[in-house]
Amino acid sequence: MTTPKQRSNAWQTAATVLQEATPPDVAAGSHAMTIAVEFPPGDPGTPPHRHSGPAFGYVLEGEMLFELEGEAPRVVKAGETFWEPGGDVIHYSDGNARDDVKVRFLVTMLCAPGQPMLTHVEDDELISRRDRRVPVAKS
């Protein structure tokens, strides 16, 4: 017989909120998927795409160049979070922002029923929506 361990109060301070967001409504029948992504140094990442539902991510290592339609490109560093609403919003970049180290990140995506998790955006649509892209700020 083992002796029960004393209860700890560590749980009261063990959790740190990394991200809070108000995503769009999630349809009944949706499912969640968590993936790990790793790109080598300097890799541009996934071509422009969109997700059928919201996605929430956390960079584990390195730095990711993150760009969503309507937002300026930004670098998300290890220990930082990102999210996107999914749906019609184009995700332009999730590539490696550095050419000397890999980038690794986790993403939990909510997939709309009967739709693929990721759909590439064709060049003609990118051209027709170029006015929705925020230019890179010059330093």
N, C-alpha and C. Protein backbone atom coordinates (compact mmCIF):
# COMPACT_ATOMS: atom_id res chain seq x y z
N MET A 1 0.83 -1.17 0.00
CA MET A 1 0.00 0.00 0.00
C MET A 1 0.89 1.25 0.00
N THR A 2 0.59 2.19 -0.87
CA THR A 2 1.38 3.42 -0.93
C THR A 2 0.69 4.52 -0.13
N THR A 3 1.51 5.38 0.39
CA THR A 3 0.98 6.51 1.14
C THR A 3 0.63 7.62 0.17
N PRO A 4 -0.57 8.21 0.29
CA PRO A 4 -0.92 9.31 -0.62
C PRO A 4 0.04 10.48 -0.45
N LYS A 5 0.40 11.10 -1.57
CA LYS A 5 1.29 12.26 -1.51
C LYS A 5 0.50 13.46 -1.02
N GLN A 6 1.22 14.33 -0.33
CA GLN A 6 0.57 15.56 0.09
C GLN A 6 0.19 16.37 -1.14
N ARG A 7 -0.86 17.10 -1.03
CA ARG A 7 -1.29 17.96 -2.15
C ARG A 7 -0.35 19.15 -2.24
N SER A 8 -0.10 19.52 -3.47
CA SER A 8 0.77 20.66 -3.75
C SER A 8 -0.07 21.86 -4.15
N ASN A 9 0.45 23.03 -3.90
CA ASN A 9 -0.20 24.25 -4.37
C ASN A 9 0.45 24.78 -5.65
N ALA A 10 1.37 24.02 -6.21
CA ALA A 10 2.08 24.46 -7.42
C ALA A 10 1.13 24.72 -8.57
N TRP A 11 0.02 23.99 -8.63
CA TRP A 11 -0.93 24.16 -9.73
C TRP A 11 -1.45 25.59 -9.81
N GLN A 12 -1.46 26.30 -8.68
CA GLN A 12 -2.01 27.65 -8.65
C GLN A 12 -1.18 28.64 -9.46
N THR A 13 0.11 28.35 -9.65
CA THR A 13 0.98 29.25 -10.42
C THR A 13 1.67 28.54 -11.57
N ALA A 14 1.29 27.29 -11.84
CA ALA A 14 1.98 26.49 -12.86
C ALA A 14 1.62 26.89 -14.28
N ALA A 15 0.45 27.44 -14.49
CA ALA A 15 0.00 27.78 -15.85
C ALA A 15 0.27 29.25 -16.16
N THR A 16 0.74 29.49 -17.37
CA THR A 16 0.96 30.85 -17.87
C THR A 16 0.13 31.00 -19.13
N VAL A 17 -0.71 32.01 -19.19
CA VAL A 17 -1.50 32.26 -20.39
C VAL A 17 -0.56 32.81 -21.46
N LEU A 18 -0.48 32.13 -22.58
CA LEU A 18 0.37 32.55 -23.69
C LEU A 18 -0.40 33.31 -24.75
N GLN A 19 -1.69 33.01 -24.86
CA GLN A 19 -2.48 33.61 -25.93
C GLN A 19 -3.95 33.52 -25.58
N GLU A 20 -4.67 34.59 -25.88
CA GLU A 20 -6.12 34.58 -25.79
C GLU A 20 -6.65 35.21 -27.07
N ALA A 21 -7.66 34.65 -27.63
CA ALA A 21 -8.23 35.17 -28.87
C ALA A 21 -9.72 34.85 -28.90
N THR A 22 -10.46 35.64 -29.63
CA THR A 22 -11.87 35.37 -29.85
C THR A 22 -12.02 34.92 -31.30
N PRO A 23 -11.98 33.60 -31.53
CA PRO A 23 -12.08 33.10 -32.90
C PRO A 23 -13.51 33.18 -33.40
N PRO A 24 -13.67 33.03 -34.71
CA PRO A 24 -15.03 32.96 -35.24
C PRO A 24 -15.72 31.71 -34.70
N ASP A 25 -17.03 31.66 -34.84
CA ASP A 25 -17.76 30.47 -34.39
C ASP A 25 -17.24 29.24 -35.12
N VAL A 26 -17.23 28.14 -34.42
CA VAL A 26 -16.78 26.88 -34.99
C VAL A 26 -18.02 26.02 -35.26
N ALA A 27 -18.12 25.55 -36.48
CA ALA A 27 -19.29 24.77 -36.89
C ALA A 27 -19.35 23.42 -36.17
N ALA A 28 -20.57 22.97 -35.91
CA ALA A 28 -20.76 21.63 -35.36
C ALA A 28 -20.14 20.62 -36.32
N GLY A 29 -19.48 19.61 -35.79
CA GLY A 29 -18.87 18.60 -36.64
C GLY A 29 -17.43 18.93 -37.01
N SER A 30 -16.92 20.08 -36.57
CA SER A 30 -15.51 20.43 -36.83
C SER A 30 -14.62 19.49 -36.04
N HIS A 31 -13.38 19.40 -36.46
CA HIS A 31 -12.43 18.62 -35.67
C HIS A 31 -11.14 19.42 -35.51
N ALA A 32 -10.39 19.08 -34.48
CA ALA A 32 -9.13 19.78 -34.19
C ALA A 32 -7.96 18.89 -34.59
N MET A 33 -6.88 19.55 -34.99
CA MET A 33 -5.66 18.86 -35.38
C MET A 33 -4.48 19.69 -34.88
N THR A 34 -3.52 19.06 -34.23
CA THR A 34 -2.29 19.75 -33.81
C THR A 34 -1.15 19.15 -34.60
N ILE A 35 -0.38 20.03 -35.24
CA ILE A 35 0.76 19.57 -36.04
C ILE A 35 2.04 20.27 -35.58
N ALA A 36 3.15 19.63 -35.81
CA ALA A 36 4.47 20.22 -35.61
C ALA A 36 5.05 20.50 -36.99
N VAL A 37 5.57 21.72 -37.18
CA VAL A 37 6.13 22.13 -38.47
C VAL A 37 7.59 22.50 -38.24
N GLU A 38 8.45 22.09 -39.16
CA GLU A 38 9.87 22.43 -39.07
C GLU A 38 10.37 22.81 -40.47
N PHE A 39 10.92 24.01 -40.60
CA PHE A 39 11.51 24.46 -41.85
C PHE A 39 13.00 24.71 -41.64
N PRO A 40 13.83 24.31 -42.62
CA PRO A 40 15.27 24.54 -42.49
C PRO A 40 15.61 26.03 -42.61
N PRO A 41 16.85 26.38 -42.31
CA PRO A 41 17.27 27.78 -42.41
C PRO A 41 16.91 28.39 -43.77
N GLY A 42 16.31 29.60 -43.72
CA GLY A 42 16.01 30.34 -44.94
C GLY A 42 14.84 29.84 -45.76
N ASP A 43 14.19 28.78 -45.35
CA ASP A 43 13.08 28.21 -46.15
C ASP A 43 11.88 29.15 -46.15
N PRO A 44 11.27 29.38 -47.33
CA PRO A 44 10.14 30.31 -47.40
C PRO A 44 8.84 29.76 -46.80
N GLY A 45 8.79 28.48 -46.48
CA GLY A 45 7.60 27.91 -45.85
C GLY A 45 6.52 27.52 -46.85
N THR A 46 5.32 27.38 -46.36
CA THR A 46 4.18 26.96 -47.17
C THR A 46 3.77 28.08 -48.12
N PRO A 47 3.50 27.75 -49.39
CA PRO A 47 3.02 28.78 -50.33
C PRO A 47 1.73 29.41 -49.79
N PRO A 48 1.33 30.58 -50.29
CA PRO A 48 0.10 31.22 -49.82
C PRO A 48 -1.06 30.23 -49.79
N HIS A 49 -1.80 30.27 -48.67
CA HIS A 49 -2.86 29.30 -48.44
C HIS A 49 -3.89 29.88 -47.49
N ARG A 50 -4.94 29.11 -47.26
CA ARG A 50 -5.92 29.46 -46.23
C ARG A 50 -6.32 28.19 -45.51
N HIS A 51 -6.82 28.38 -44.30
CA HIS A 51 -7.30 27.26 -43.49
C HIS A 51 -8.82 27.35 -43.39
N SER A 52 -9.48 26.22 -43.27
CA SER A 52 -10.94 26.21 -43.22
C SER A 52 -11.49 26.70 -41.88
N GLY A 53 -10.65 26.73 -40.87
CA GLY A 53 -11.06 27.21 -39.55
C GLY A 53 -9.90 27.89 -38.87
N PRO A 54 -10.10 28.38 -37.65
CA PRO A 54 -9.04 29.10 -36.95
C PRO A 54 -7.86 28.20 -36.62
N ALA A 55 -6.69 28.84 -36.50
CA ALA A 55 -5.46 28.13 -36.17
C ALA A 55 -4.72 28.92 -35.10
N PHE A 56 -4.14 28.20 -34.14
CA PHE A 56 -3.43 28.80 -33.02
C PHE A 56 -2.05 28.16 -32.94
N GLY A 57 -1.01 28.98 -32.88
CA GLY A 57 0.33 28.42 -32.92
C GLY A 57 1.27 28.96 -31.87
N TYR A 58 2.37 28.24 -31.71
CA TYR A 58 3.42 28.56 -30.74
C TYR A 58 4.76 28.20 -31.36
N VAL A 59 5.67 29.16 -31.41
CA VAL A 59 7.00 28.90 -31.97
C VAL A 59 7.89 28.29 -30.89
N LEU A 60 8.40 27.11 -31.18
CA LEU A 60 9.25 26.38 -30.24
C LEU A 60 10.72 26.78 -30.34
N GLU A 61 11.14 27.06 -31.58
CA GLU A 61 12.57 27.27 -31.83
C GLU A 61 12.72 28.12 -33.07
N GLY A 62 13.67 29.06 -33.06
CA GLY A 62 13.91 29.89 -34.22
C GLY A 62 12.95 31.05 -34.32
N GLU A 63 12.77 31.54 -35.56
CA GLU A 63 11.91 32.69 -35.81
C GLU A 63 11.14 32.48 -37.11
N MET A 64 9.84 32.75 -37.07
CA MET A 64 8.98 32.57 -38.23
C MET A 64 8.55 33.92 -38.78
N LEU A 65 8.59 34.07 -40.10
CA LEU A 65 8.02 35.25 -40.74
C LEU A 65 6.55 34.95 -40.97
N PHE A 66 5.68 35.68 -40.28
CA PHE A 66 4.24 35.42 -40.29
C PHE A 66 3.54 36.58 -40.99
N GLU A 67 2.73 36.24 -42.00
CA GLU A 67 1.97 37.28 -42.69
C GLU A 67 0.58 36.77 -43.04
N LEU A 68 -0.41 37.51 -42.57
CA LEU A 68 -1.81 37.26 -42.91
C LEU A 68 -2.33 38.41 -43.73
N GLU A 69 -3.28 38.13 -44.57
CA GLU A 69 -3.95 39.17 -45.35
C GLU A 69 -4.49 40.25 -44.41
N GLY A 70 -4.19 41.52 -44.74
CA GLY A 70 -4.68 42.63 -43.93
C GLY A 70 -3.79 43.00 -42.77
N GLU A 71 -2.70 42.26 -42.56
CA GLU A 71 -1.76 42.55 -41.47
C GLU A 71 -0.35 42.67 -42.02
N ALA A 72 0.44 43.53 -41.41
CA ALA A 72 1.83 43.67 -41.82
C ALA A 72 2.60 42.40 -41.45
N PRO A 73 3.56 42.00 -42.27
CA PRO A 73 4.39 40.85 -41.91
C PRO A 73 5.10 41.12 -40.59
N ARG A 74 5.28 40.06 -39.80
CA ARG A 74 5.99 40.22 -38.52
C ARG A 74 6.76 38.95 -38.22
N VAL A 75 7.76 39.10 -37.40
CA VAL A 75 8.56 37.95 -36.98
C VAL A 75 8.01 37.46 -35.64
N VAL A 76 7.74 36.16 -35.58
CA VAL A 76 7.30 35.52 -34.34
C VAL A 76 8.46 34.67 -33.86
N LYS A 77 8.95 34.98 -32.66
CA LYS A 77 10.15 34.32 -32.12
C LYS A 77 9.78 33.17 -31.20
N ALA A 78 10.77 32.32 -30.92
CA ALA A 78 10.58 31.20 -30.00
C ALA A 78 9.98 31.71 -28.70
N GLY A 79 8.94 31.01 -28.24
CA GLY A 79 8.25 31.40 -27.02
C GLY A 79 7.06 32.31 -27.26
N GLU A 80 6.85 32.73 -28.51
CA GLU A 80 5.73 33.61 -28.83
C GLU A 80 4.64 32.83 -29.56
N THR A 81 3.44 33.41 -29.57
CA THR A 81 2.29 32.76 -30.17
C THR A 81 1.79 33.54 -31.38
N PHE A 82 0.93 32.88 -32.16
CA PHE A 82 0.27 33.52 -33.29
C PHE A 82 -1.07 32.82 -33.48
N TRP A 83 -1.98 33.49 -34.17
CA TRP A 83 -3.24 32.85 -34.50
C TRP A 83 -3.80 33.49 -35.75
N GLU A 84 -4.69 32.79 -36.39
CA GLU A 84 -5.37 33.31 -37.57
C GLU A 84 -6.80 32.82 -37.56
N PRO A 85 -7.72 33.62 -38.12
CA PRO A 85 -9.13 33.25 -38.04
C PRO A 85 -9.56 32.15 -38.99
N GLY A 86 -8.78 31.89 -40.03
CA GLY A 86 -9.18 30.89 -41.02
C GLY A 86 -10.25 31.45 -41.94
N GLY A 87 -10.92 30.58 -42.65
CA GLY A 87 -11.96 31.02 -43.58
C GLY A 87 -11.35 31.64 -44.83
N ASP A 88 -11.79 32.82 -45.18
CA ASP A 88 -11.37 33.46 -46.44
C ASP A 88 -10.03 34.18 -46.35
N VAL A 89 -9.47 34.32 -45.17
CA VAL A 89 -8.22 35.07 -44.99
C VAL A 89 -7.04 34.29 -45.56
N ILE A 90 -6.22 34.97 -46.39
CA ILE A 90 -5.03 34.33 -46.97
C ILE A 90 -3.86 34.41 -45.99
N HIS A 91 -3.21 33.28 -45.80
CA HIS A 91 -1.99 33.20 -44.99
C HIS A 91 -0.83 33.20 -45.98
N TYR A 92 -0.14 34.33 -46.07
CA TYR A 92 0.93 34.49 -47.05
C TYR A 92 2.24 33.83 -46.64
N SER A 93 2.58 33.91 -45.36
CA SER A 93 3.91 33.43 -44.98
C SER A 93 3.90 32.76 -43.62
N ASP A 94 4.63 31.64 -43.55
CA ASP A 94 4.95 30.98 -42.29
C ASP A 94 6.39 30.47 -42.36
N GLY A 95 7.19 31.12 -43.20
CA GLY A 95 8.55 30.65 -43.46
C GLY A 95 9.54 31.00 -42.37
N ASN A 96 10.74 30.47 -42.54
CA ASN A 96 11.82 30.72 -41.60
C ASN A 96 12.36 32.13 -41.82
N ALA A 97 12.36 32.94 -40.79
CA ALA A 97 12.84 34.32 -40.88
C ALA A 97 14.36 34.41 -40.81
N ARG A 98 15.02 33.29 -40.51
CA ARG A 98 16.49 33.31 -40.37
C ARG A 98 17.12 32.31 -41.34
N ASP A 99 18.35 32.62 -41.73
CA ASP A 99 19.05 31.72 -42.64
C ASP A 99 20.16 30.93 -41.95
N ASP A 100 20.19 31.00 -40.60
CA ASP A 100 21.25 30.29 -39.87
C ASP A 100 20.74 29.21 -38.92
N VAL A 101 19.43 29.16 -38.67
CA VAL A 101 18.87 28.14 -37.78
C VAL A 101 17.50 27.72 -38.32
N LYS A 102 17.07 26.52 -37.95
CA LYS A 102 15.74 26.06 -38.35
C LYS A 102 14.68 26.78 -37.52
N VAL A 103 13.43 26.70 -37.97
CA VAL A 103 12.29 27.16 -37.19
C VAL A 103 11.39 25.95 -36.96
N ARG A 104 10.89 25.83 -35.72
CA ARG A 104 9.93 24.77 -35.37
C ARG A 104 8.77 25.42 -34.65
N PHE A 105 7.56 25.05 -35.06
CA PHE A 105 6.40 25.57 -34.37
C PHE A 105 5.27 24.55 -34.35
N LEU A 106 4.39 24.70 -33.38
CA LEU A 106 3.20 23.88 -33.25
C LEU A 106 1.99 24.69 -33.67
N VAL A 107 1.04 24.06 -34.32
CA VAL A 107 -0.21 24.71 -34.70
C VAL A 107 -1.37 23.78 -34.39
N THR A 108 -2.37 24.30 -33.68
CA THR A 108 -3.62 23.58 -33.47
C THR A 108 -4.66 24.27 -34.35
N MET A 109 -5.24 23.49 -35.26
CA MET A 109 -6.19 24.02 -36.23
C MET A 109 -7.55 23.38 -36.01
N LEU A 110 -8.59 24.17 -36.19
CA LEU A 110 -9.96 23.66 -36.14
C LEU A 110 -10.45 23.59 -37.57
N CYS A 111 -10.76 22.40 -38.01
CA CYS A 111 -11.12 22.16 -39.41
C CYS A 111 -12.62 22.11 -39.58
N ALA A 112 -13.13 22.90 -40.53
CA ALA A 112 -14.56 22.89 -40.83
C ALA A 112 -14.95 21.53 -41.41
N PRO A 113 -16.14 21.05 -41.09
CA PRO A 113 -16.57 19.73 -41.55
C PRO A 113 -16.54 19.62 -43.08
N GLY A 114 -15.97 18.52 -43.56
CA GLY A 114 -15.97 18.24 -44.99
C GLY A 114 -15.04 19.11 -45.82
N GLN A 115 -14.19 19.91 -45.18
CA GLN A 115 -13.26 20.77 -45.92
C GLN A 115 -11.83 20.40 -45.56
N PRO A 116 -10.90 20.58 -46.51
CA PRO A 116 -9.51 20.29 -46.18
C PRO A 116 -8.98 21.32 -45.18
N MET A 117 -7.98 20.92 -44.42
CA MET A 117 -7.39 21.81 -43.42
C MET A 117 -6.65 22.97 -44.08
N LEU A 118 -6.05 22.72 -45.23
CA LEU A 118 -5.24 23.73 -45.91
C LEU A 118 -5.52 23.69 -47.40
N THR A 119 -5.72 24.88 -47.99
CA THR A 119 -5.95 24.99 -49.43
C THR A 119 -5.00 26.04 -49.97
N HIS A 120 -4.22 25.68 -50.99
CA HIS A 120 -3.33 26.66 -51.62
C HIS A 120 -4.13 27.69 -52.42
N VAL A 121 -3.64 28.92 -52.45
CA VAL A 121 -4.31 30.00 -53.17
C VAL A 121 -3.64 30.15 -54.53
N GLU A 122 -4.44 30.17 -55.58
CA GLU A 122 -3.93 30.29 -56.94
C GLU A 122 -3.40 31.70 -57.22
N ASP A 123 -2.46 31.80 -58.17
CA ASP A 123 -1.84 33.08 -58.50
C ASP A 123 -2.85 34.14 -58.94
N ASP A 124 -3.87 33.75 -59.71
CA ASP A 124 -4.85 34.76 -60.17
C ASP A 124 -5.61 35.37 -59.00
N GLU A 125 -5.90 34.58 -57.97
CA GLU A 125 -6.57 35.13 -56.79
C GLU A 125 -5.63 36.04 -56.00
N LEU A 126 -4.37 35.65 -55.90
CA LEU A 126 -3.39 36.51 -55.21
C LEU A 126 -3.32 37.88 -55.89
N ILE A 127 -3.32 37.88 -57.22
CA ILE A 127 -3.27 39.15 -57.98
C ILE A 127 -4.53 39.96 -57.74
N SER A 128 -5.69 39.32 -57.76
CA SER A 128 -6.95 40.05 -57.59
C SER A 128 -7.12 40.62 -56.18
N ARG A 129 -6.39 40.06 -55.20
CA ARG A 129 -6.53 40.51 -53.81
C ARG A 129 -5.28 41.25 -53.31
N ARG A 130 -4.40 41.63 -54.20
CA ARG A 130 -3.15 42.27 -53.78
C ARG A 130 -3.37 43.55 -53.00
N ASP A 131 -4.51 44.23 -53.20
CA ASP A 131 -4.80 45.46 -52.45
C ASP A 131 -5.08 45.19 -50.98
N ARG A 132 -5.29 43.95 -50.59
CA ARG A 132 -5.56 43.60 -49.19
C ARG A 132 -4.29 43.28 -48.43
N ARG A 133 -3.17 43.27 -49.12
CA ARG A 133 -1.89 42.95 -48.49
C ARG A 133 -1.25 44.21 -47.96
N VAL A 134 -0.75 44.16 -46.73
CA VAL A 134 -0.12 45.32 -46.11
C VAL A 134 1.34 45.34 -46.53
N PRO A 135 1.81 46.48 -47.08
CA PRO A 135 3.21 46.54 -47.51
C PRO A 135 4.17 46.40 -46.33
N VAL A 136 5.34 45.88 -46.63
CA VAL A 136 6.40 45.76 -45.63
C VAL A 136 6.89 47.18 -45.31
N ALA A 137 6.97 47.48 -44.01
CA ALA A 137 7.46 48.79 -43.59
C ALA A 137 8.95 48.89 -43.86
N LYS A 138 9.37 50.03 -44.42
CA LYS A 138 10.81 50.23 -44.66
C LYS A 138 11.47 50.78 -43.41
N SER A 139 12.64 50.23 -43.12
CA SER A 139 13.32 50.70 -41.90
C SER A 139 14.34 51.77 -42.20
